[in-house]
């Protein structure tokens, strides 16, 4: 009856939870999402900060025009991980994404690590995007001739060092508005996302069309692809091939979309069929758009001029099509809004799943009697992220989100391989092809991109995981339902939804 760090949640238990809608007496999460909702949910997360902000910054700081290769590498890595996610999402259609899959295959301690990692990925990512959204919104209002109140500031001394703080009230307000939408209901959130996704995909397509026609008309001039791969500066990750690898790692910030789709598996109408469509469909569409936008953008504008919050706007201005600037700015505002929505959705669902397993506090899995959403989890997460968005400037947090995403991808890829070996008899509506080759490549690509990121990013990840370990060993392991089940005399099951 000893404590087991690698205790696993039985696959039959997970399937039982899926069939029972994840709650007692039919009071679980509402199944309201179809394949179109899931594809747009994924596109809503993927198309946003990646195209409208990070493409230019990664090109200017790390890869130059070679950012196009960075997106191809990131897309390949995502394809391997996406195939593994699709198998798990159809096999275990439960809220929680990589956390749930790891619990079934790699054990409780690994599941905790990845769950805590996902909290970092979604919460800090949403706060960062909120700051970016605020900047775009202010610029948009300025172009319309509307003056917004200045952001409050304060100066103080911390540990003997002067600190200047800027309080982004717009970021705070937008997070609270999106949190309200999530509390009201997943169907309403999905419809909101679908409408905006149509707008921002149209905007991206307009940019691609205008840039292509402009270059064709001018005999493919200007051409700022020389050198296509700028020589390395002598520092690891600053241009050259190491810069392309680091660029691929950085732009993974933009690839958490299909990961977020998998967190909504318990709210899909037909998860066995629809989850693979949502994951792979959104991934393919967005990867193609990323490659086209990054190639055209660096062709039109010198990469050294793209380290700005609105690189696509800079690109469209280079074509002389000033009428399209307004449309692109509007698309960026809408795009970043849906990224925040999907990140907050994923964050609250991971909280929900971890709480149901006893690893986090009970309030995180409390379902609203009318809206059938984890409303307390959504509110707490929303307030936390809103405070972060108010206090934290737009900086290197995209790398933190990227490293969290890559760690999740590696663990899910490993999980598929393990499940194929230990449970080959399970019915898999969608099967990852070429196992174990595809999972191994998913692991290798993810690890390669993780080590390409800055040492400071890796240190921050380690510190975050240490904080998580403290919470796990002081609370989670003492309240784990799986651990309680294994410690029960004669294997008695106090909770029918838990087994091992």
Protein backbone atom coordinates (compact mmCIF):
# COMPACT_ATOMS: atom_id res chain seq x y z
CA UNK A 1 0.00 0.00 0.00
CA UNK A 2 2.97 2.24 -0.54
CA UNK A 3 2.89 5.48 -2.44
CA UNK A 4 3.59 5.12 -6.19
CA UNK A 5 4.98 8.07 -8.13
CA UNK A 6 4.17 6.38 -11.43
CA UNK A 7 0.66 5.19 -10.58
CA UNK A 8 -1.44 5.20 -13.75
CA UNK A 9 -5.07 5.96 -14.37
CA UNK A 10 -6.66 2.94 -15.98
CA UNK A 11 -7.73 3.33 -19.60
CA UNK A 12 -11.15 1.81 -18.83
CA UNK A 13 -11.64 4.50 -16.17
CA UNK A 14 -10.95 7.23 -18.71
CA UNK A 15 -13.39 5.73 -21.20
CA UNK A 16 -16.00 5.48 -18.43
CA UNK A 17 -15.55 9.18 -17.69
CA UNK A 18 -15.96 10.02 -21.37
CA UNK A 19 -19.19 8.01 -21.63
CA UNK A 20 -20.59 9.62 -18.49
CA UNK A 21 -19.85 13.13 -19.80
CA UNK A 22 -17.31 13.66 -17.04
CA UNK A 23 -19.79 14.33 -14.26
CA UNK A 24 -22.30 12.69 -11.99
CA UNK A 25 -25.96 12.46 -13.03
CA UNK A 26 -25.26 14.03 -16.40
CA UNK A 27 -23.99 17.25 -14.87
CA UNK A 28 -20.62 17.22 -16.62
CA UNK A 29 -19.35 19.31 -19.47
CA UNK A 30 -21.83 19.81 -22.31
CA UNK A 31 -21.05 18.11 -25.63
CA UNK A 32 -21.70 20.92 -28.08
CA UNK A 33 -18.75 21.05 -30.49
CA UNK A 34 -18.79 19.69 -34.04
CA UNK A 35 -15.83 19.26 -36.43
CA UNK A 36 -16.15 22.81 -37.82
CA UNK A 37 -16.14 24.22 -34.27
CA UNK A 38 -13.02 22.22 -33.43
CA UNK A 39 -11.13 23.21 -36.60
CA UNK A 40 -11.95 26.88 -36.03
CA UNK A 41 -11.05 26.51 -32.35
CA UNK A 42 -7.59 25.32 -33.42
CA UNK A 43 -7.21 28.00 -36.09
CA UNK A 44 -8.37 30.52 -33.51
CA UNK A 45 -5.34 29.68 -31.36
CA UNK A 46 -2.78 29.13 -34.13
CA UNK A 47 -3.49 32.18 -36.29
CA UNK A 48 -2.88 35.14 -34.09
CA UNK A 49 0.32 36.06 -32.30
CA UNK A 50 2.34 33.74 -34.56
CA UNK A 51 1.53 35.59 -37.76
CA UNK A 52 0.74 39.05 -36.45
CA UNK A 53 3.63 39.47 -33.98
CA UNK A 54 6.17 36.66 -33.63
CA UNK A 55 6.91 36.10 -37.34
CA UNK A 56 8.60 39.48 -37.62
CA UNK A 57 10.38 39.29 -34.27
CA UNK A 58 11.80 35.82 -34.95
CA UNK A 59 12.97 36.89 -38.41
CA UNK A 60 14.61 40.08 -37.11
CA UNK A 61 16.30 38.52 -34.07
CA UNK A 62 17.14 34.93 -35.04
CA UNK A 63 16.56 33.64 -38.58
CA UNK A 64 16.26 36.46 -41.14
CA UNK A 65 14.43 35.33 -44.31
CA UNK A 66 15.32 31.80 -43.19
CA UNK A 67 12.29 32.11 -40.88
CA UNK A 68 10.49 30.35 -43.73
CA UNK A 69 12.65 27.27 -43.03
CA UNK A 70 11.94 27.71 -39.31
CA UNK A 71 8.21 27.42 -39.98
CA UNK A 72 8.75 24.36 -42.16
CA UNK A 73 10.75 22.68 -39.37
CA UNK A 74 8.14 23.67 -36.79
CA UNK A 75 5.38 22.37 -39.07
CA UNK A 76 7.15 19.02 -39.51
CA UNK A 77 7.59 18.65 -35.76
CA UNK A 78 3.95 19.58 -35.26
CA UNK A 79 2.85 17.03 -37.86
CA UNK A 80 4.50 14.17 -35.95
CA UNK A 81 3.08 15.38 -32.63
CA UNK A 82 -0.31 16.11 -34.22
CA UNK A 83 -0.66 12.54 -35.46
CA UNK A 84 0.04 11.31 -31.92
CA UNK A 85 -2.41 13.81 -30.42
CA UNK A 86 -5.07 12.67 -32.89
CA UNK A 87 -4.75 9.03 -31.82
CA UNK A 88 -4.95 9.90 -28.13
CA UNK A 89 -7.82 12.35 -28.58
CA UNK A 90 -9.91 9.72 -30.38
CA UNK A 91 -8.93 6.97 -27.92
CA UNK A 92 -9.32 9.03 -24.73
CA UNK A 93 -11.84 11.83 -25.44
CA UNK A 94 -11.40 13.48 -22.05
CA UNK A 95 -10.77 17.09 -21.08
CA UNK A 96 -7.17 17.72 -20.08
CA UNK A 97 -5.12 17.12 -23.21
CA UNK A 98 -1.52 15.96 -22.67
CA UNK A 99 -2.10 15.82 -18.92
CA UNK A 100 -4.74 13.11 -19.26
CA UNK A 101 -2.79 11.15 -21.86
CA UNK A 102 0.32 11.17 -19.65
CA UNK A 103 -1.71 9.98 -16.65
CA UNK A 104 -2.81 6.91 -18.62
CA UNK A 105 0.61 6.04 -20.01
CA UNK A 106 3.54 7.54 -18.09
CA UNK A 107 2.17 7.80 -14.55
CA UNK A 108 0.95 10.37 -12.04
CA UNK A 109 4.19 12.27 -11.45
CA UNK A 110 4.70 12.78 -15.20
CA UNK A 111 1.03 13.77 -15.57
CA UNK A 112 1.48 16.36 -12.81
CA UNK A 113 4.60 17.75 -14.49
CA UNK A 114 2.88 18.14 -17.85
CA UNK A 115 -0.31 19.53 -16.27
CA UNK A 116 1.70 22.13 -14.37
CA UNK A 117 3.62 22.83 -17.57
CA UNK A 118 0.37 23.40 -19.47
CA UNK A 119 -0.74 25.88 -16.80
CA UNK A 120 2.44 27.85 -17.51
CA UNK A 121 1.94 27.55 -21.26
CA UNK A 122 -1.66 28.76 -21.34
CA UNK A 123 -1.75 31.32 -18.52
CA UNK A 124 1.47 33.15 -19.32
CA UNK A 125 0.82 32.81 -23.05
CA UNK A 126 -2.62 34.40 -22.70
CA UNK A 127 -1.20 37.25 -20.62
CA UNK A 128 1.51 37.90 -23.20
CA UNK A 129 -0.99 37.94 -26.05
CA UNK A 130 -3.22 40.29 -24.05
CA UNK A 131 -0.37 42.80 -23.88
CA UNK A 132 0.14 42.45 -27.64
CA UNK A 133 -3.59 42.90 -28.21
CA UNK A 134 -3.52 46.06 -26.14
CA UNK A 135 -0.71 47.49 -28.28
CA UNK A 136 -2.57 46.73 -31.53
CA UNK A 137 -5.81 48.17 -30.15
CA UNK A 138 -4.11 51.39 -29.12
CA UNK A 139 -2.51 51.77 -32.55
CA UNK A 140 -5.85 51.08 -34.23
CA UNK A 141 -7.59 53.70 -32.11
CA UNK A 142 -4.81 56.16 -32.86
CA UNK A 143 -5.28 55.63 -36.61
CA UNK A 144 -8.98 56.39 -36.13
CA UNK A 145 -8.12 59.62 -34.32
CA UNK A 146 -9.36 58.37 -30.95
CA UNK A 147 -7.10 59.17 -27.98
CA UNK A 148 -7.20 56.60 -25.17
CA UNK A 149 -6.23 57.47 -21.58
CA UNK A 150 -2.54 56.93 -20.90
CA UNK A 151 -1.56 53.80 -19.00
CA UNK A 152 -0.81 54.51 -15.32
CA UNK A 153 2.81 54.14 -14.22
CA UNK A 154 4.73 54.02 -10.96
CA UNK A 155 8.36 53.98 -9.86
CA UNK A 156 9.74 52.17 -6.82
CA UNK A 157 12.86 50.41 -5.57
CA UNK A 158 12.98 46.59 -5.39
CA UNK A 159 16.00 44.85 -3.82
CA UNK A 160 17.98 48.05 -4.25
CA UNK A 161 17.13 48.43 -7.95
CA UNK A 162 14.82 51.10 -9.41
CA UNK A 163 11.75 49.65 -11.14
CA UNK A 164 9.42 51.42 -13.57
CA UNK A 165 6.00 49.78 -13.83
CA UNK A 166 3.38 50.37 -16.50
CA UNK A 167 -0.15 49.14 -15.77
CA UNK A 168 -1.89 47.94 -18.92
CA UNK A 169 -5.55 48.41 -18.05
CA UNK A 170 -6.66 47.47 -21.60
CA UNK A 171 -5.07 44.03 -21.24
CA UNK A 172 -6.84 43.61 -17.90
CA UNK A 173 -10.25 44.52 -19.36
CA UNK A 174 -10.00 42.29 -22.45
CA UNK A 175 -9.09 39.23 -20.36
CA UNK A 176 -12.09 39.82 -18.10
CA UNK A 177 -14.40 40.12 -21.12
CA UNK A 178 -13.14 36.86 -22.63
CA UNK A 179 -13.43 35.14 -19.24
CA UNK A 180 -17.09 36.17 -19.13
CA UNK A 181 -17.67 34.57 -22.55
CA UNK A 182 -16.07 31.32 -21.33
CA UNK A 183 -18.18 31.25 -18.17
CA UNK A 184 -21.40 31.68 -20.15
CA UNK A 185 -20.72 28.56 -22.19
CA UNK A 186 -18.49 26.60 -24.53
CA UNK A 187 -20.98 26.71 -27.41
CA UNK A 188 -21.17 30.48 -27.21
CA UNK A 189 -17.37 30.63 -27.02
CA UNK A 190 -17.04 28.40 -30.10
CA UNK A 191 -19.52 30.49 -32.10
CA UNK A 192 -17.67 33.67 -31.10
CA UNK A 193 -14.40 32.07 -32.22
CA UNK A 194 -15.85 30.79 -35.51
CA UNK A 195 -17.02 34.25 -36.53
CA UNK A 196 -13.69 35.91 -35.79
CA UNK A 197 -11.67 33.10 -37.36
CA UNK A 198 -13.47 33.68 -40.66
CA UNK A 199 -12.50 37.36 -40.47
CA UNK A 200 -8.83 36.86 -39.65
CA UNK A 201 -8.29 34.02 -42.15
CA UNK A 202 -9.77 36.36 -44.77
CA UNK A 203 -7.33 39.09 -43.66
CA UNK A 204 -4.35 36.74 -43.93
CA UNK A 205 -5.51 35.65 -47.39
CA UNK A 206 -5.88 39.32 -48.43
CA UNK A 207 -2.28 39.97 -47.36
CA UNK A 208 -1.05 36.93 -49.30
CA UNK A 209 -3.00 37.97 -52.40
CA UNK A 210 -1.93 41.65 -52.30
CA UNK A 211 1.73 40.81 -51.62
CA UNK A 212 1.84 38.17 -54.39
CA UNK A 213 0.18 40.44 -56.97
CA UNK A 214 2.47 43.34 -56.03
CA UNK A 215 5.60 41.21 -56.45
CA UNK A 216 4.38 39.71 -59.73
CA UNK A 217 3.55 43.15 -61.09
CA UNK A 218 7.04 44.40 -60.19
CA UNK A 219 8.86 41.32 -61.55
CA UNK A 220 9.34 39.91 -58.03
CA UNK A 221 11.01 43.06 -56.74
CA UNK A 222 11.89 44.08 -54.08
CA UNK A 223 13.88 41.02 -53.10
CA UNK A 224 15.17 41.09 -49.55
CA UNK A 225 15.99 37.39 -49.45
CA UNK A 226 19.72 38.04 -49.88
CA UNK A 227 21.24 36.63 -47.82
CA UNK A 228 18.45 34.11 -47.26
CA UNK A 229 20.30 32.71 -44.23
CA UNK A 230 22.25 35.61 -42.65
CA UNK A 231 25.67 34.59 -41.28
CA UNK A 232 25.84 33.71 -37.61
CA UNK A 233 26.96 36.58 -35.38
CA UNK A 234 29.17 34.29 -33.31
CA UNK A 235 26.44 33.83 -30.69
CA UNK A 236 24.39 30.63 -30.51
CA UNK A 237 20.93 31.17 -31.96
CA UNK A 238 21.66 34.50 -33.66
CA UNK A 239 21.26 33.79 -37.40
CA UNK A 240 22.92 31.01 -39.34
CA UNK A 241 21.48 27.51 -38.94
CA UNK A 242 21.43 27.77 -35.15
CA UNK A 243 19.28 30.88 -35.59
CA UNK A 244 16.88 28.99 -37.85
CA UNK A 245 16.57 26.27 -35.20
CA UNK A 246 16.00 28.85 -32.48
CA UNK A 247 13.46 30.59 -34.71
CA UNK A 248 11.62 27.28 -35.09
CA UNK A 249 11.61 26.90 -31.31
CA UNK A 250 10.35 30.45 -30.76
CA UNK A 251 7.51 30.26 -33.29
CA UNK A 252 6.17 27.22 -31.47
CA UNK A 253 4.39 29.85 -29.38
CA UNK A 254 1.97 29.93 -32.29
CA UNK A 255 1.42 26.17 -32.50
CA UNK A 256 -0.53 25.48 -29.33
CA UNK A 257 -3.79 25.56 -31.28
CA UNK A 258 -4.33 21.85 -31.82
CA UNK A 259 -3.13 21.20 -28.27
CA UNK A 260 -5.98 23.44 -27.14
CA UNK A 261 -8.39 21.52 -29.39
CA UNK A 262 -7.56 18.34 -27.49
CA UNK A 263 -8.42 20.00 -24.15
CA UNK A 264 -12.01 20.30 -25.40
CA UNK A 265 -12.37 16.59 -26.25
CA UNK A 266 -14.98 16.03 -23.52
CA UNK A 267 -17.16 18.72 -25.11
CA UNK A 268 -17.04 17.31 -28.66
CA UNK A 269 -20.23 15.77 -30.05
CA UNK A 270 -18.41 12.84 -31.69
CA UNK A 271 -14.84 12.94 -30.34
CA UNK A 272 -13.66 9.72 -32.00
CA UNK A 273 -14.33 11.18 -35.43
CA UNK A 274 -14.14 14.92 -34.86
CA UNK A 275 -10.99 15.29 -32.72
CA UNK A 276 -8.54 14.07 -35.42
CA UNK A 277 -10.31 16.31 -37.96
CA UNK A 278 -10.05 19.31 -35.64
CA UNK A 279 -6.41 18.71 -34.71
CA UNK A 280 -4.96 17.84 -38.11
CA UNK A 281 -7.24 20.15 -40.11
CA UNK A 282 -6.30 23.26 -38.14
CA UNK A 283 -2.62 22.27 -38.17
CA UNK A 284 -2.40 21.80 -41.96
CA UNK A 285 -4.31 24.99 -42.80
CA UNK A 286 -2.28 27.18 -40.46
CA UNK A 287 1.14 25.76 -41.36
CA UNK A 288 0.55 26.52 -45.05
CA UNK A 289 -0.56 30.07 -44.22
CA UNK A 290 2.44 30.64 -41.94
CA UNK A 291 4.92 29.56 -44.62
CA UNK A 292 3.31 31.81 -47.23
CA UNK A 293 3.11 34.86 -44.94
CA UNK A 294 6.67 34.55 -43.61
CA UNK A 295 8.09 34.12 -47.13
CA UNK A 296 6.22 37.08 -48.59
CA UNK A 297 6.88 39.31 -45.58
CA UNK A 298 10.65 38.86 -45.62
CA UNK A 299 10.68 39.29 -49.42
CA UNK A 300 8.87 42.65 -49.18
CA UNK A 301 10.61 44.14 -46.13
CA UNK A 302 14.23 43.84 -44.90
CA UNK A 303 14.17 41.44 -41.96
CA UNK A 304 16.02 43.99 -39.83
CA UNK A 305 12.91 46.21 -39.95
CA UNK A 306 10.49 43.54 -38.70
CA UNK A 307 11.22 43.63 -34.97
CA UNK A 308 7.96 45.49 -34.36
CA UNK A 309 4.60 44.57 -32.77
CA UNK A 310 2.81 44.72 -36.15
CA UNK A 311 5.10 43.22 -38.86
CA UNK A 312 2.23 42.28 -41.20
CA UNK A 313 1.02 45.89 -41.16
CA UNK A 314 4.57 46.95 -42.10
CA UNK A 315 4.47 44.42 -44.94
CA UNK A 316 1.15 45.59 -46.34
CA UNK A 317 2.32 49.22 -46.25
CA UNK A 318 5.33 48.22 -48.35
CA UNK A 319 2.94 47.26 -51.16
CA UNK A 320 1.38 50.73 -51.19
CA UNK A 321 -2.09 49.29 -50.56
CA UNK A 322 -2.95 51.68 -47.75
CA UNK A 323 -6.63 50.72 -47.90
CA UNK A 324 -5.69 47.23 -46.69
CA UNK A 325 -3.84 48.52 -43.61
CA UNK A 326 -7.11 49.12 -41.77
CA UNK A 327 -8.30 45.60 -42.60
CA UNK A 328 -5.04 43.98 -41.44
CA UNK A 329 -5.08 45.92 -38.17
CA UNK A 330 -8.67 44.82 -37.56
CA UNK A 331 -7.73 41.21 -38.34
CA UNK A 332 -4.82 41.35 -35.92
CA UNK A 333 -7.07 42.61 -33.13
CA UNK A 334 -9.59 39.85 -33.83
CA UNK A 335 -6.88 37.23 -34.22
CA UNK A 336 -5.19 37.95 -30.93
CA UNK A 337 -8.59 37.98 -29.17
CA UNK A 338 -9.33 34.41 -30.25
CA UNK A 339 -5.86 33.27 -29.20
CA UNK A 340 -6.58 34.54 -25.70
CA UNK A 341 -9.96 32.82 -25.69
CA UNK A 342 -8.55 29.41 -26.67
CA UNK A 343 -5.63 29.71 -24.23
CA UNK A 344 -7.97 30.52 -21.35
CA UNK A 345 -10.29 27.71 -22.43
CA UNK A 346 -7.40 25.23 -22.38
CA UNK A 347 -6.12 26.50 -19.03
CA UNK A 348 -9.46 26.12 -17.24
CA UNK A 349 -10.02 22.60 -18.70
CA UNK A 350 -6.61 21.43 -17.51
CA UNK A 351 -7.47 22.80 -14.05
CA UNK A 352 -10.81 20.97 -14.26
CA UNK A 353 -9.18 17.62 -15.08
CA UNK A 354 -6.46 17.87 -12.44
CA UNK A 355 -9.02 18.82 -9.80
CA UNK A 356 -11.28 15.85 -10.66
CA UNK A 357 -8.29 13.58 -10.07
CA UNK A 358 -7.70 15.15 -6.64
CA UNK A 359 -4.37 16.73 -7.58
CA UNK A 360 -5.74 20.29 -7.32
CA UNK A 361 -8.34 21.85 -5.07
CA UNK A 362 -12.05 20.81 -5.46
CA UNK A 363 -13.28 24.27 -6.52
CA UNK A 364 -11.43 23.93 -9.84
CA UNK A 365 -13.81 21.18 -11.04
CA UNK A 366 -17.08 22.75 -9.84
CA UNK A 367 -19.59 22.96 -12.73
CA UNK A 368 -22.11 25.80 -13.08
CA UNK A 369 -25.65 24.36 -12.79
CA UNK A 370 -26.97 26.41 -15.73
CA UNK A 371 -24.03 27.05 -18.07
CA UNK A 372 -22.42 23.61 -17.48
CA UNK A 373 -18.93 25.14 -17.53
CA UNK A 374 -16.13 25.01 -14.89
CA UNK A 375 -16.98 28.57 -13.94
CA UNK A 376 -14.92 28.98 -10.77
CA UNK A 377 -11.84 27.65 -12.55
CA UNK A 378 -12.48 30.02 -15.47
CA UNK A 379 -12.95 33.02 -13.14
CA UNK A 380 -9.86 32.32 -11.03
CA UNK A 381 -7.70 31.72 -14.09
CA UNK A 382 -9.12 34.82 -15.77
CA UNK A 383 -8.33 37.05 -12.80
CA UNK A 384 -4.80 35.65 -12.51
CA UNK A 385 -4.10 36.17 -16.22
CA UNK A 386 -5.68 39.64 -16.17
CA UNK A 387 -3.31 40.67 -13.38
CA UNK A 388 -0.35 39.27 -15.33
CA UNK A 389 -1.48 41.14 -18.44
CA UNK A 390 -1.65 44.36 -16.42
CA UNK A 391 1.83 44.04 -14.93
CA UNK A 392 3.95 42.04 -17.39
CA UNK A 393 5.30 43.71 -20.57
CA UNK A 394 5.39 41.92 -23.91
CA UNK A 395 8.86 40.34 -23.85
CA UNK A 396 10.41 36.87 -23.92
CA UNK A 397 7.38 35.00 -22.58
CA UNK A 398 6.78 33.57 -26.05
CA UNK A 399 9.80 31.32 -25.50
CA UNK A 400 8.30 30.12 -22.20
CA UNK A 401 5.11 29.17 -23.98
CA UNK A 402 7.09 27.45 -26.72
CA UNK A 403 9.14 25.33 -24.33
CA UNK A 404 5.95 24.28 -22.54
CA UNK A 405 4.35 23.28 -25.82
CA UNK A 406 7.39 21.29 -26.94
CA UNK A 407 7.59 19.41 -23.64
CA UNK A 408 3.93 18.44 -24.01
CA UNK A 409 4.52 17.25 -27.57
CA UNK A 410 7.44 15.04 -26.53
CA UNK A 411 5.47 13.40 -23.71
CA UNK A 412 2.40 12.76 -25.85
CA UNK A 413 4.55 11.20 -28.58
CA UNK A 414 6.17 8.93 -25.99
CA UNK A 415 2.74 8.07 -24.61
CA UNK A 416 1.43 6.82 -27.95
CA UNK A 417 4.43 4.53 -28.33
CA UNK A 418 3.97 3.16 -24.79
CA UNK A 419 0.22 2.58 -25.25
CA UNK A 420 0.80 0.68 -28.49
CA UNK A 421 3.18 -1.67 -26.66
CA UNK A 422 1.19 -2.11 -23.44
CA UNK A 423 -2.39 -1.98 -24.80
CA UNK A 424 -2.36 -3.10 -28.44
CA UNK A 425 -5.88 -4.50 -28.07
CA UNK A 426 -7.60 -1.14 -27.54
CA UNK A 427 -9.95 0.16 -30.24
CA UNK A 428 -8.34 3.20 -31.88
CA UNK A 429 -10.74 5.13 -34.16
CA UNK A 430 -7.67 6.97 -35.47
CA UNK A 431 -4.25 5.30 -35.62
CA UNK A 432 -0.94 7.13 -35.84
CA UNK A 433 0.86 5.70 -38.88
CA UNK A 434 4.35 4.16 -38.81
CA UNK A 435 4.60 3.55 -35.07
CA UNK A 436 7.18 3.71 -33.50
CA UNK A 437 8.87 5.85 -36.19
CA UNK A 438 6.43 8.79 -36.01
CA UNK A 439 6.44 9.00 -32.17
CA UNK A 440 10.25 8.76 -32.10
CA UNK A 441 10.55 11.56 -34.66
CA UNK A 442 8.02 13.61 -32.66
CA UNK A 443 10.19 13.21 -29.54
CA UNK A 444 13.46 13.96 -31.35
CA UNK A 445 12.16 17.09 -33.11
CA UNK A 446 10.64 18.42 -29.89
CA UNK A 447 13.83 17.86 -27.88
CA UNK A 448 15.94 19.41 -30.67
CA UNK A 449 13.85 22.58 -30.60
CA UNK A 450 13.80 22.69 -26.78
CA UNK A 451 17.60 22.73 -26.57
CA UNK A 452 17.73 25.40 -29.29
CA UNK A 453 15.98 27.88 -26.97
CA UNK A 454 17.88 30.20 -24.63
CA UNK A 455 19.43 28.87 -21.44
CA UNK A 456 17.43 31.44 -19.45
CA UNK A 457 14.19 30.01 -20.84
CA UNK A 458 15.21 26.50 -19.76
CA UNK A 459 16.11 27.82 -16.30
CA UNK A 460 12.71 29.48 -15.92
CA UNK A 461 11.03 26.22 -16.90
CA UNK A 462 13.00 24.33 -14.25
CA UNK A 463 12.08 26.89 -11.56
CA UNK A 464 8.40 26.70 -12.53
CA UNK A 465 8.47 22.89 -12.33
CA UNK A 466 10.12 23.06 -8.88
CA UNK A 467 7.23 25.23 -7.63
CA UNK A 468 4.85 22.63 -9.07
CA UNK A 469 6.65 19.81 -7.27
CA UNK A 470 6.21 21.62 -3.96
CA UNK A 471 2.44 21.86 -4.55
CA UNK A 472 2.25 18.23 -5.68
CA UNK A 473 4.06 16.78 -2.66
CA UNK A 474 2.28 19.02 -0.14
CA UNK A 475 -1.26 18.68 -1.56
CA UNK A 476 -1.68 16.66 -4.77
CA UNK A 477 -0.24 13.30 -3.72
CA UNK A 478 -2.20 13.39 -0.44
CA UNK A 479 -5.52 13.91 -2.22
CA UNK A 480 -4.93 11.85 -5.37
CA UNK A 481 -7.91 9.61 -6.09
CA UNK A 482 -5.74 7.10 -7.89
CA UNK A 483 -3.40 6.86 -4.89
CA UNK A 484 -6.37 6.51 -2.53
CA UNK A 485 -7.75 3.71 -4.64
CA UNK A 486 -4.46 1.80 -4.68
CA UNK A 487 -4.14 2.19 -0.91
CA UNK A 488 -7.69 0.99 -0.22
CA UNK A 489 -7.98 -2.46 1.46
CA UNK A 490 -8.71 -5.29 -0.97
CA UNK A 491 -8.80 -2.80 -3.85
CA UNK A 492 -12.08 -1.26 -2.65
CA UNK A 493 -13.26 1.51 -4.94
CA UNK A 494 -14.77 4.45 -3.16
CA UNK A 495 -15.15 6.50 -6.32
CA UNK A 496 -16.62 4.53 -9.25
CA UNK A 497 -14.98 6.85 -11.76
CA UNK A 498 -11.49 6.01 -10.53
CA UNK A 499 -9.54 2.83 -11.03
CA UNK A 500 -6.03 1.62 -11.74
